[in-house]
Full PDB file with SEQRES, HELIX, SHEET, SSBOND, CRYST1, ORIGX, SCALE, CONECT and MASTER records, all heavy atoms in Angstrom:
SEQRES   1 A   36  ASP ALA PHE LYS SER GLN LEU LYS THR PRO THR GLN PHE          
SEQRES   2 A   36  HIS GLY GLY VAL GLU GLU ILE HIS PHE SER GLN GLN THR          
SEQRES   3 A   36  VAL ARG LEU VAL LEU THR GLY ILE THR MET                      
HELIX    1 AA1 ALA A    2  SER A    5  1                                   4    
SHEET    1 AA1 3 GLN A  12  HIS A  14  0                                        
SHEET    2 AA1 3 VAL A  17  HIS A  21 -1                                        
SHEET    3 AA1 3 THR A  26  LEU A  29 -1                                        
CRYST1    1.000    1.000    1.000  90.00  90.00  90.00 P 1           1          
ORIGX1      1.000000  0.000000  0.000000        0.00000                         
ORIGX2      0.000000  1.000000  0.000000        0.00000                         
ORIGX3      0.000000  0.000000  1.000000        0.00000                         
SCALE1      1.000000  0.000000  0.000000        0.00000                         
SCALE2      0.000000  1.000000  0.000000        0.00000                         
SCALE3      0.000000  0.000000  1.000000        0.00000                         
ATOM      1  N   ASP A   1     -14.087 -15.914 -33.087  1.00  0.00           N  
ATOM      2  CA  ASP A   1     -15.387 -15.252 -33.185  1.00  0.00           C  
ATOM      3  C   ASP A   1     -16.087 -15.199 -31.824  1.00  0.00           C  
ATOM      4  O   ASP A   1     -16.673 -14.174 -31.468  1.00  0.00           O  
ATOM      5  CB  ASP A   1     -16.272 -15.956 -34.210  1.00  0.00           C  
ATOM      6  CG  ASP A   1     -15.733 -15.829 -35.631  1.00  0.00           C  
ATOM      7  OD1 ASP A   1     -14.894 -14.926 -35.885  1.00  0.00           O  
ATOM      8  OD2 ASP A   1     -16.133 -16.655 -36.479  1.00  0.00           O  
ATOM      9  N   ALA A   2     -16.026 -16.294 -31.067  1.00  0.00           N  
ATOM     10  CA  ALA A   2     -16.642 -16.326 -29.737  1.00  0.00           C  
ATOM     11  C   ALA A   2     -15.955 -15.336 -28.804  1.00  0.00           C  
ATOM     12  O   ALA A   2     -16.604 -14.624 -28.035  1.00  0.00           O  
ATOM     13  CB  ALA A   2     -16.573 -17.739 -29.162  1.00  0.00           C  
ATOM     14  N   PHE A   3     -14.630 -15.264 -28.890  1.00  0.00           N  
ATOM     15  CA  PHE A   3     -13.864 -14.328 -28.069  1.00  0.00           C  
ATOM     16  C   PHE A   3     -14.239 -12.886 -28.420  1.00  0.00           C  
ATOM     17  O   PHE A   3     -14.526 -12.068 -27.546  1.00  0.00           O  
ATOM     18  CB  PHE A   3     -12.368 -14.563 -28.285  1.00  0.00           C  
ATOM     19  CG  PHE A   3     -11.481 -13.630 -27.513  1.00  0.00           C  
ATOM     20  CD1 PHE A   3     -11.224 -13.855 -26.171  1.00  0.00           C  
ATOM     21  CD2 PHE A   3     -10.904 -12.536 -28.129  1.00  0.00           C  
ATOM     22  CE1 PHE A   3     -10.409 -12.994 -25.451  1.00  0.00           C  
ATOM     23  CE2 PHE A   3     -10.091 -11.672 -27.428  1.00  0.00           C  
ATOM     24  CZ  PHE A   3      -9.838 -11.897 -26.081  1.00  0.00           C  
ATOM     25  N   LYS A   4     -14.260 -12.571 -29.707  1.00  0.00           N  
ATOM     26  CA  LYS A   4     -14.570 -11.213 -30.144  1.00  0.00           C  
ATOM     27  C   LYS A   4     -15.997 -10.805 -29.802  1.00  0.00           C  
ATOM     28  O   LYS A   4     -16.269  -9.632 -29.576  1.00  0.00           O  
ATOM     29  CB  LYS A   4     -14.338 -11.067 -31.643  1.00  0.00           C  
ATOM     30  CG  LYS A   4     -12.883 -11.082 -32.009  1.00  0.00           C  
ATOM     31  CD  LYS A   4     -12.557 -10.850 -33.465  1.00  0.00           C  
ATOM     32  CE  LYS A   4     -13.638 -10.952 -34.462  1.00  0.00           C  
ATOM     33  NZ  LYS A   4     -13.199 -10.826 -35.846  1.00  0.00           N  
ATOM     34  N   SER A   5     -16.913 -11.771 -29.747  1.00  0.00           N  
ATOM     35  CA  SER A   5     -18.306 -11.437 -29.436  1.00  0.00           C  
ATOM     36  C   SER A   5     -18.472 -10.926 -28.004  1.00  0.00           C  
ATOM     37  O   SER A   5     -19.470 -10.294 -27.690  1.00  0.00           O  
ATOM     38  CB  SER A   5     -19.212 -12.657 -29.665  1.00  0.00           C  
ATOM     39  OG  SER A   5     -19.036 -13.606 -28.635  1.00  0.00           O  
ATOM     40  N   GLN A   6     -17.480 -11.187 -27.147  1.00  0.00           N  
ATOM     41  CA  GLN A   6     -17.544 -10.741 -25.760  1.00  0.00           C  
ATOM     42  C   GLN A   6     -16.817  -9.423 -25.518  1.00  0.00           C  
ATOM     43  O   GLN A   6     -16.842  -8.887 -24.422  1.00  0.00           O  
ATOM     44  CB  GLN A   6     -16.943 -11.822 -24.847  1.00  0.00           C  
ATOM     45  CG  GLN A   6     -17.663 -13.149 -24.926  1.00  0.00           C  
ATOM     46  CD  GLN A   6     -19.131 -13.015 -24.574  1.00  0.00           C  
ATOM     47  OE1 GLN A   6     -19.476 -12.473 -23.538  1.00  0.00           O  
ATOM     48  NE2 GLN A   6     -20.007 -13.495 -25.444  1.00  0.00           N  
ATOM     49  N   LEU A   7     -16.157  -8.894 -26.542  1.00  0.00           N  
ATOM     50  CA  LEU A   7     -15.366  -7.675 -26.391  1.00  0.00           C  
ATOM     51  C   LEU A   7     -16.229  -6.421 -26.468  1.00  0.00           C  
ATOM     52  O   LEU A   7     -17.170  -6.356 -27.249  1.00  0.00           O  
ATOM     53  CB  LEU A   7     -14.302  -7.590 -27.493  1.00  0.00           C  
ATOM     54  CG  LEU A   7     -13.202  -8.629 -27.473  1.00  0.00           C  
ATOM     55  CD1 LEU A   7     -12.317  -8.476 -28.715  1.00  0.00           C  
ATOM     56  CD2 LEU A   7     -12.359  -8.506 -26.216  1.00  0.00           C  
ATOM     57  N   LYS A   8     -15.850  -5.425 -25.698  1.00  0.00           N  
ATOM     58  CA  LYS A   8     -16.480  -4.114 -25.801  1.00  0.00           C  
ATOM     59  C   LYS A   8     -15.674  -3.213 -26.724  1.00  0.00           C  
ATOM     60  O   LYS A   8     -16.196  -2.254 -27.281  1.00  0.00           O  
ATOM     61  CB  LYS A   8     -16.591  -3.506 -24.413  1.00  0.00           C  
ATOM     62  CG  LYS A   8     -17.594  -4.214 -23.525  1.00  0.00           C  
ATOM     63  CD  LYS A   8     -17.714  -3.528 -22.183  1.00  0.00           C  
ATOM     64  CE  LYS A   8     -18.819  -4.071 -21.333  1.00  0.00           C  
ATOM     65  NZ  LYS A   8     -18.720  -5.414 -20.928  1.00  0.00           N  
ATOM     66  N   THR A   9     -14.387  -3.526 -26.884  1.00  0.00           N  
ATOM     67  CA  THR A   9     -13.503  -2.762 -27.761  1.00  0.00           C  
ATOM     68  C   THR A   9     -13.422  -3.469 -29.114  1.00  0.00           C  
ATOM     69  O   THR A   9     -13.108  -4.650 -29.169  1.00  0.00           O  
ATOM     70  CB  THR A   9     -12.092  -2.672 -27.149  1.00  0.00           C  
ATOM     71  OG1 THR A   9     -12.192  -2.113 -25.842  1.00  0.00           O  
ATOM     72  CG2 THR A   9     -11.169  -1.839 -27.998  1.00  0.00           C  
ATOM     73  N   PRO A  10     -13.674  -2.771 -30.212  1.00  0.00           N  
ATOM     74  CA  PRO A  10     -13.610  -3.429 -31.527  1.00  0.00           C  
ATOM     75  C   PRO A  10     -12.168  -3.760 -31.929  1.00  0.00           C  
ATOM     76  O   PRO A  10     -11.226  -3.092 -31.517  1.00  0.00           O  
ATOM     77  CB  PRO A  10     -14.208  -2.391 -32.473  1.00  0.00           C  
ATOM     78  CG  PRO A  10     -14.021  -1.094 -31.782  1.00  0.00           C  
ATOM     79  CD  PRO A  10     -14.042  -1.365 -30.309  1.00  0.00           C  
ATOM     80  N   THR A  11     -12.026  -4.793 -32.734  1.00  0.00           N  
ATOM     81  CA  THR A  11     -10.706  -5.145 -33.249  1.00  0.00           C  
ATOM     82  C   THR A  11     -10.401  -4.264 -34.453  1.00  0.00           C  
ATOM     83  O   THR A  11     -11.295  -3.764 -35.123  1.00  0.00           O  
ATOM     84  CB  THR A  11     -10.631  -6.630 -33.670  1.00  0.00           C  
ATOM     85  OG1 THR A  11     -11.592  -6.870 -34.694  1.00  0.00           O  
ATOM     86  CG2 THR A  11     -10.888  -7.556 -32.501  1.00  0.00           C  
ATOM     87  N   GLN A  12      -9.108  -4.104 -34.716  1.00  0.00           N  
ATOM     88  CA  GLN A  12      -8.648  -3.334 -35.869  1.00  0.00           C  
ATOM     89  C   GLN A  12      -7.691  -4.204 -36.656  1.00  0.00           C  
ATOM     90  O   GLN A  12      -6.972  -5.022 -36.079  1.00  0.00           O  
ATOM     91  CB  GLN A  12      -7.922  -2.067 -35.416  1.00  0.00           C  
ATOM     92  CG  GLN A  12      -8.764  -1.148 -34.590  1.00  0.00           C  
ATOM     93  CD  GLN A  12      -7.948   0.006 -34.008  1.00  0.00           C  
ATOM     94  OE1 GLN A  12      -6.743   0.041 -34.105  1.00  0.00           O  
ATOM     95  NE2 GLN A  12      -8.646   0.947 -33.404  1.00  0.00           N  
ATOM     96  N   PHE A  13      -7.675  -4.040 -37.968  1.00  0.00           N  
ATOM     97  CA  PHE A  13      -6.725  -4.776 -38.796  1.00  0.00           C  
ATOM     98  C   PHE A  13      -5.453  -3.965 -38.923  1.00  0.00           C  
ATOM     99  O   PHE A  13      -5.494  -2.773 -39.218  1.00  0.00           O  
ATOM    100  CB  PHE A  13      -7.312  -5.075 -40.172  1.00  0.00           C  
ATOM    101  CG  PHE A  13      -8.184  -6.290 -40.171  1.00  0.00           C  
ATOM    102  CD1 PHE A  13      -9.546  -6.168 -39.995  1.00  0.00           C  
ATOM    103  CD2 PHE A  13      -7.633  -7.555 -40.329  1.00  0.00           C  
ATOM    104  CE1 PHE A  13     -10.356  -7.291 -39.972  1.00  0.00           C  
ATOM    105  CE2 PHE A  13      -8.436  -8.680 -40.317  1.00  0.00           C  
ATOM    106  CZ  PHE A  13      -9.800  -8.549 -40.134  1.00  0.00           C  
ATOM    107  N   HIS A  14      -4.342  -4.614 -38.661  1.00  0.00           N  
ATOM    108  CA  HIS A  14      -3.027  -3.987 -38.771  1.00  0.00           C  
ATOM    109  C   HIS A  14      -2.131  -4.949 -39.532  1.00  0.00           C  
ATOM    110  O   HIS A  14      -1.756  -5.989 -39.021  1.00  0.00           O  
ATOM    111  CB  HIS A  14      -2.459  -3.709 -37.377  1.00  0.00           C  
ATOM    112  CG  HIS A  14      -1.127  -3.044 -37.387  1.00  0.00           C  
ATOM    113  ND1 HIS A  14       0.020  -3.701 -37.723  1.00  0.00           N  
ATOM    114  CD2 HIS A  14      -0.765  -1.777 -37.117  1.00  0.00           C  
ATOM    115  CE1 HIS A  14       1.032  -2.875 -37.645  1.00  0.00           C  
ATOM    116  NE2 HIS A  14       0.583  -1.696 -37.271  1.00  0.00           N  
ATOM    117  N   GLY A  15      -1.836  -4.644 -40.775  1.00  0.00           N  
ATOM    118  CA  GLY A  15      -1.000  -5.536 -41.579  1.00  0.00           C  
ATOM    119  C   GLY A  15      -1.642  -6.895 -41.827  1.00  0.00           C  
ATOM    120  O   GLY A  15      -0.958  -7.911 -41.878  1.00  0.00           O  
ATOM    121  N   GLY A  16      -2.972  -6.920 -41.945  1.00  0.00           N  
ATOM    122  CA  GLY A  16      -3.675  -8.171 -42.201  1.00  0.00           C  
ATOM    123  C   GLY A  16      -3.928  -9.007 -40.959  1.00  0.00           C  
ATOM    124  O   GLY A  16      -4.408 -10.127 -41.035  1.00  0.00           O  
ATOM    125  N   VAL A  17      -3.606  -8.476 -39.787  1.00  0.00           N  
ATOM    126  CA  VAL A  17      -3.783  -9.195 -38.527  1.00  0.00           C  
ATOM    127  C   VAL A  17      -4.711  -8.380 -37.636  1.00  0.00           C  
ATOM    128  O   VAL A  17      -4.618  -7.159 -37.575  1.00  0.00           O  
ATOM    129  CB  VAL A  17      -2.416  -9.389 -37.809  1.00  0.00           C  
ATOM    130  CG1 VAL A  17      -2.588 -10.105 -36.494  1.00  0.00           C  
ATOM    131  CG2 VAL A  17      -1.455 -10.135 -38.697  1.00  0.00           C  
ATOM    132  N   GLU A  18      -5.597  -9.074 -36.927  1.00  0.00           N  
ATOM    133  CA  GLU A  18      -6.518  -8.377 -36.023  1.00  0.00           C  
ATOM    134  C   GLU A  18      -5.827  -8.040 -34.704  1.00  0.00           C  
ATOM    135  O   GLU A  18      -5.156  -8.887 -34.117  1.00  0.00           O  
ATOM    136  CB  GLU A  18      -7.743  -9.241 -35.734  1.00  0.00           C  
ATOM    137  CG  GLU A  18      -8.731  -9.268 -36.876  1.00  0.00           C  
ATOM    138  CD  GLU A  18      -9.987  -9.994 -36.496  1.00  0.00           C  
ATOM    139  OE1 GLU A  18      -9.951 -11.225 -36.508  1.00  0.00           O  
ATOM    140  OE2 GLU A  18     -10.994  -9.321 -36.191  1.00  0.00           O  
ATOM    141  N   GLU A  19      -6.008  -6.812 -34.268  1.00  0.00           N  
ATOM    142  CA  GLU A  19      -5.454  -6.371 -32.999  1.00  0.00           C  
ATOM    143  C   GLU A  19      -6.506  -5.595 -32.222  1.00  0.00           C  
ATOM    144  O   GLU A  19      -7.413  -5.008 -32.798  1.00  0.00           O  
ATOM    145  CB  GLU A  19      -4.228  -5.472 -33.211  1.00  0.00           C  
ATOM    146  CG  GLU A  19      -3.039  -6.207 -33.769  1.00  0.00           C  
ATOM    147  CD  GLU A  19      -1.818  -5.336 -33.935  1.00  0.00           C  
ATOM    148  OE1 GLU A  19      -1.904  -4.095 -33.779  1.00  0.00           O  
ATOM    149  OE2 GLU A  19      -0.755  -5.903 -34.222  1.00  0.00           O  
ATOM    150  N   ILE A  20      -6.350  -5.618 -30.894  1.00  0.00           N  
ATOM    151  CA  ILE A  20      -7.203  -4.857 -29.998  1.00  0.00           C  
ATOM    152  C   ILE A  20      -6.279  -3.912 -29.249  1.00  0.00           C  
ATOM    153  O   ILE A  20      -5.253  -4.334 -28.707  1.00  0.00           O  
ATOM    154  CB  ILE A  20      -7.922  -5.779 -28.987  1.00  0.00           C  
ATOM    155  CG1 ILE A  20      -8.639  -6.906 -29.715  1.00  0.00           C  
ATOM    156  CG2 ILE A  20      -8.890  -4.977 -28.131  1.00  0.00           C  
ATOM    157  CD1 ILE A  20      -8.962  -8.074 -28.829  1.00  0.00           C  
ATOM    158  N   HIS A  21      -6.631  -2.641 -29.228  1.00  0.00           N  
ATOM    159  CA  HIS A  21      -5.801  -1.647 -28.561  1.00  0.00           C  
ATOM    160  C   HIS A  21      -6.518  -1.137 -27.321  1.00  0.00           C  
ATOM    161  O   HIS A  21      -7.615  -0.589 -27.404  1.00  0.00           O  
ATOM    162  CB  HIS A  21      -5.488  -0.487 -29.508  1.00  0.00           C  
ATOM    163  CG  HIS A  21      -4.741  -0.932 -30.727  1.00  0.00           C  
ATOM    164  ND1 HIS A  21      -3.391  -1.167 -30.725  1.00  0.00           N  
ATOM    165  CD2 HIS A  21      -5.161  -1.223 -31.971  1.00  0.00           C  
ATOM    166  CE1 HIS A  21      -3.008  -1.558 -31.926  1.00  0.00           C  
ATOM    167  NE2 HIS A  21      -4.074  -1.616 -32.704  1.00  0.00           N  
ATOM    168  N   PHE A  22      -5.882  -1.379 -26.174  1.00  0.00           N  
ATOM    169  CA  PHE A  22      -6.354  -0.841 -24.908  1.00  0.00           C  
ATOM    170  C   PHE A  22      -5.397   0.268 -24.504  1.00  0.00           C  
ATOM    171  O   PHE A  22      -4.450   0.550 -25.223  1.00  0.00           O  
ATOM    172  CB  PHE A  22      -6.380  -1.942 -23.841  1.00  0.00           C  
ATOM    173  CG  PHE A  22      -7.308  -3.081 -24.169  1.00  0.00           C  
ATOM    174  CD1 PHE A  22      -6.800  -4.279 -24.643  1.00  0.00           C  
ATOM    175  CD2 PHE A  22      -8.675  -2.951 -24.010  1.00  0.00           C  
ATOM    176  CE1 PHE A  22      -7.642  -5.333 -24.948  1.00  0.00           C  
ATOM    177  CE2 PHE A  22      -9.525  -4.005 -24.322  1.00  0.00           C  
ATOM    178  CZ  PHE A  22      -9.008  -5.193 -24.781  1.00  0.00           C  
ATOM    179  N   SER A  23      -5.597   0.871 -23.363  1.00  0.00           N  
ATOM    180  CA  SER A  23      -4.792   2.025 -22.975  1.00  0.00           C  
ATOM    181  C   SER A  23      -3.283   1.740 -22.994  1.00  0.00           C  
ATOM    182  O   SER A  23      -2.529   2.488 -23.591  1.00  0.00           O  
ATOM    183  CB  SER A  23      -5.215   2.523 -21.594  1.00  0.00           C  
ATOM    184  OG  SER A  23      -5.056   1.500 -20.641  1.00  0.00           O  
ATOM    185  N   GLN A  24      -2.835   0.687 -22.373  1.00  0.00           N  
ATOM    186  CA  GLN A  24      -1.405   0.383 -22.318  1.00  0.00           C  
ATOM    187  C   GLN A  24      -1.085  -1.006 -22.878  1.00  0.00           C  
ATOM    188  O   GLN A  24      -0.026  -1.560 -22.587  1.00  0.00           O  
ATOM    189  CB  GLN A  24      -0.898   0.472 -20.870  1.00  0.00           C  
ATOM    190  CG  GLN A  24      -0.942   1.874 -20.301  1.00  0.00           C  
ATOM    191  CD  GLN A  24      -0.023   2.825 -21.051  1.00  0.00           C  
ATOM    192  OE1 GLN A  24       1.105   2.497 -21.381  1.00  0.00           O  
ATOM    193  NE2 GLN A  24      -0.527   4.021 -21.342  1.00  0.00           N  
ATOM    194  N   GLN A  25      -1.994  -1.573 -23.661  1.00  0.00           N  
ATOM    195  CA  GLN A  25      -1.792  -2.918 -24.188  1.00  0.00           C  
ATOM    196  C   GLN A  25      -2.249  -3.001 -25.641  1.00  0.00           C  
ATOM    197  O   GLN A  25      -3.216  -2.369 -26.032  1.00  0.00           O  
ATOM    198  CB  GLN A  25      -2.593  -3.947 -23.387  1.00  0.00           C  
ATOM    199  CG  GLN A  25      -2.197  -4.060 -21.955  1.00  0.00           C  
ATOM    200  CD  GLN A  25      -3.051  -5.065 -21.225  1.00  0.00           C  
ATOM    201  OE1 GLN A  25      -3.599  -5.983 -21.812  1.00  0.00           O  
ATOM    202  NE2 GLN A  25      -3.184  -4.900 -19.929  1.00  0.00           N  
ATOM    203  N   THR A  26      -1.530  -3.819 -26.385  1.00  0.00           N  
ATOM    204  CA  THR A  26      -1.967  -4.199 -27.717  1.00  0.00           C  
ATOM    205  C   THR A  26      -2.064  -5.717 -27.724  1.00  0.00           C  
ATOM    206  O   THR A  26      -1.107  -6.410 -27.372  1.00  0.00           O  
ATOM    207  CB  THR A  26      -0.966  -3.742 -28.799  1.00  0.00           C  
ATOM    208  OG1 THR A  26      -0.887  -2.321 -28.751  1.00  0.00           O  
ATOM    209  CG2 THR A  26      -1.428  -4.172 -30.181  1.00  0.00           C  
ATOM    210  N   VAL A  27      -3.223  -6.219 -28.091  1.00  0.00           N  
ATOM    211  CA  VAL A  27      -3.458  -7.668 -28.122  1.00  0.00           C  
ATOM    212  C   VAL A  27      -3.659  -8.079 -29.575  1.00  0.00           C  
ATOM    213  O   VAL A  27      -4.521  -7.552 -30.267  1.00  0.00           O  
ATOM    214  CB  VAL A  27      -4.696  -8.050 -27.282  1.00  0.00           C  
ATOM    215  CG1 VAL A  27      -4.938  -9.547 -27.337  1.00  0.00           C  
ATOM    216  CG2 VAL A  27      -4.536  -7.572 -25.846  1.00  0.00           C  
ATOM    217  N   ARG A  28      -2.856  -9.018 -30.017  1.00  0.00           N  
ATOM    218  CA  ARG A  28      -2.946  -9.523 -31.393  1.00  0.00           C  
ATOM    219  C   ARG A  28      -3.607 -10.895 -31.364  1.00  0.00           C  
ATOM    220  O   ARG A  28      -3.245 -11.759 -30.567  1.00  0.00           O  
ATOM    221  CB  ARG A  28      -1.548  -9.633 -31.997  1.00  0.00           C  
ATOM    222  CG  ARG A  28      -1.554 -10.117 -33.430  1.00  0.00           C  
ATOM    223  CD  ARG A  28      -0.181 -10.073 -34.033  1.00  0.00           C  
ATOM    224  NE  ARG A  28       0.135  -8.701 -34.426  1.00  0.00           N  
ATOM    225  CZ  ARG A  28       1.151  -8.364 -35.194  1.00  0.00           C  
ATOM    226  NH1 ARG A  28       1.978  -9.288 -35.644  1.00  0.00           N  
ATOM    227  NH2 ARG A  28       1.359  -7.112 -35.513  1.00  0.00           N  
ATOM    228  N   LEU A  29      -4.595 -11.103 -32.238  1.00  0.00           N  
ATOM    229  CA  LEU A  29      -5.299 -12.380 -32.350  1.00  0.00           C  
ATOM    230  C   LEU A  29      -4.709 -13.159 -33.517  1.00  0.00           C  
ATOM    231  O   LEU A  29      -4.729 -12.686 -34.647  1.00  0.00           O  
ATOM    232  CB  LEU A  29      -6.792 -12.151 -32.568  1.00  0.00           C  
ATOM    233  CG  LEU A  29      -7.491 -11.209 -31.585  1.00  0.00           C  
ATOM    234  CD1 LEU A  29      -8.963 -11.076 -31.936  1.00  0.00           C  
ATOM    235  CD2 LEU A  29      -7.311 -11.673 -30.161  1.00  0.00           C  
ATOM    236  N   VAL A  30      -4.187 -14.354 -33.236  1.00  0.00           N  
ATOM    237  CA  VAL A  30      -3.526 -15.157 -34.263  1.00  0.00           C  
ATOM    238  C   VAL A  30      -4.224 -16.503 -34.394  1.00  0.00           C  
ATOM    239  O   VAL A  30      -4.405 -17.218 -33.409  1.00  0.00           O  
ATOM    240  CB  VAL A  30      -2.027 -15.375 -33.926  1.00  0.00           C  
ATOM    241  CG1 VAL A  30      -1.372 -16.279 -34.942  1.00  0.00           C  
ATOM    242  CG2 VAL A  30      -1.302 -14.041 -33.847  1.00  0.00           C  
ATOM    243  N   LEU A  31      -4.609 -16.830 -35.606  1.00  0.00           N  
ATOM    244  CA  LEU A  31      -5.223 -18.120 -35.917  1.00  0.00           C  
ATOM    245  C   LEU A  31      -4.147 -19.037 -36.483  1.00  0.00           C  
ATOM    246  O   LEU A  31      -3.555 -18.745 -37.521  1.00  0.00           O  
ATOM    247  CB  LEU A  31      -6.344 -17.932 -36.941  1.00  0.00           C  
ATOM    248  CG  LEU A  31      -7.066 -19.192 -37.408  1.00  0.00           C  
ATOM    249  CD1 LEU A  31      -7.838 -19.819 -36.254  1.00  0.00           C  
ATOM    250  CD2 LEU A  31      -8.002 -18.853 -38.548  1.00  0.00           C  
ATOM    251  N   THR A  32      -3.870 -20.150 -35.792  1.00  0.00           N  
ATOM    252  CA  THR A  32      -2.836 -21.074 -36.266  1.00  0.00           C  
ATOM    253  C   THR A  32      -3.414 -22.313 -36.923  1.00  0.00           C  
ATOM    254  O   THR A  32      -2.760 -22.941 -37.732  1.00  0.00           O  
ATOM    255  CB  THR A  32      -1.916 -21.529 -35.117  1.00  0.00           C  
ATOM    256  OG1 THR A  32      -2.708 -22.158 -34.121  1.00  0.00           O  
ATOM    257  CG2 THR A  32      -1.137 -20.366 -34.549  1.00  0.00           C  
ATOM    258  N   GLY A  33      -4.613 -22.707 -36.550  1.00  0.00           N  
ATOM    259  CA  GLY A  33      -5.163 -23.967 -37.015  1.00  0.00           C  
ATOM    260  C   GLY A  33      -4.954 -25.044 -35.957  1.00  0.00           C  
ATOM    261  O   GLY A  33      -4.242 -24.840 -34.975  1.00  0.00           O  
ATOM    262  N   ILE A  34      -5.542 -26.177 -36.184  1.00  0.00           N  
ATOM    263  CA  ILE A  34      -5.516 -27.262 -35.204  1.00  0.00           C  
ATOM    264  C   ILE A  34      -4.213 -28.059 -35.321  1.00  0.00           C  
ATOM    265  O   ILE A  34      -3.700 -28.243 -36.416  1.00  0.00           O  
ATOM    266  CB  ILE A  34      -6.744 -28.177 -35.406  1.00  0.00           C  
ATOM    267  CG1 ILE A  34      -8.013 -27.365 -35.174  1.00  0.00           C  
ATOM    268  CG2 ILE A  34      -6.705 -29.387 -34.485  1.00  0.00           C  
ATOM    269  CD1 ILE A  34      -9.292 -28.058 -35.545  1.00  0.00           C  
ATOM    270  N   THR A  35      -3.707 -28.513 -34.249  1.00  0.00           N  
ATOM    271  CA  THR A  35      -2.516 -29.332 -33.986  1.00  0.00           C  
ATOM    272  C   THR A  35      -1.301 -28.479 -33.658  1.00  0.00           C  
ATOM    273  O   THR A  35      -1.159 -27.348 -34.125  1.00  0.00           O  
ATOM    274  CB  THR A  35      -2.109 -30.327 -35.101  1.00  0.00           C  
ATOM    275  OG1 THR A  35      -1.405 -29.646 -36.115  1.00  0.00           O  
ATOM    276  CG2 THR A  35      -3.274 -31.085 -35.655  1.00  0.00           C  
ATOM    277  N   MET A  36      -0.447 -29.040 -32.840  1.00  0.00           N  
ATOM    278  CA  MET A  36       0.790 -28.365 -32.437  1.00  0.00           C  
ATOM    279  C   MET A  36       1.694 -28.095 -33.626  1.00  0.00           C  
ATOM    280  O   MET A  36       2.535 -27.207 -33.583  1.00  0.00           O  
ATOM    281  CB  MET A  36       1.570 -29.230 -31.454  1.00  0.00           C  
ATOM    282  CG  MET A  36       0.881 -29.479 -30.153  1.00  0.00           C  
ATOM    283  SD  MET A  36       1.940 -30.378 -28.990  1.00  0.00           S  
ATOM    284  CE  MET A  36       2.602 -31.698 -29.977  1.00  0.00           C  
TER     285      MET A  36                                                      
MASTER        0    0    0    1    3    0    0    6  284    1    0    3          
END                                                                             
């Protein structure tokens, strides 16, 4: 949430996962939870 609050480009849901699409990049945000 803190990361997304700083973005100028909105995230999009793709297959239940949030992604950000820039001109030549796709960034996927993955929540794993705490601990290795």
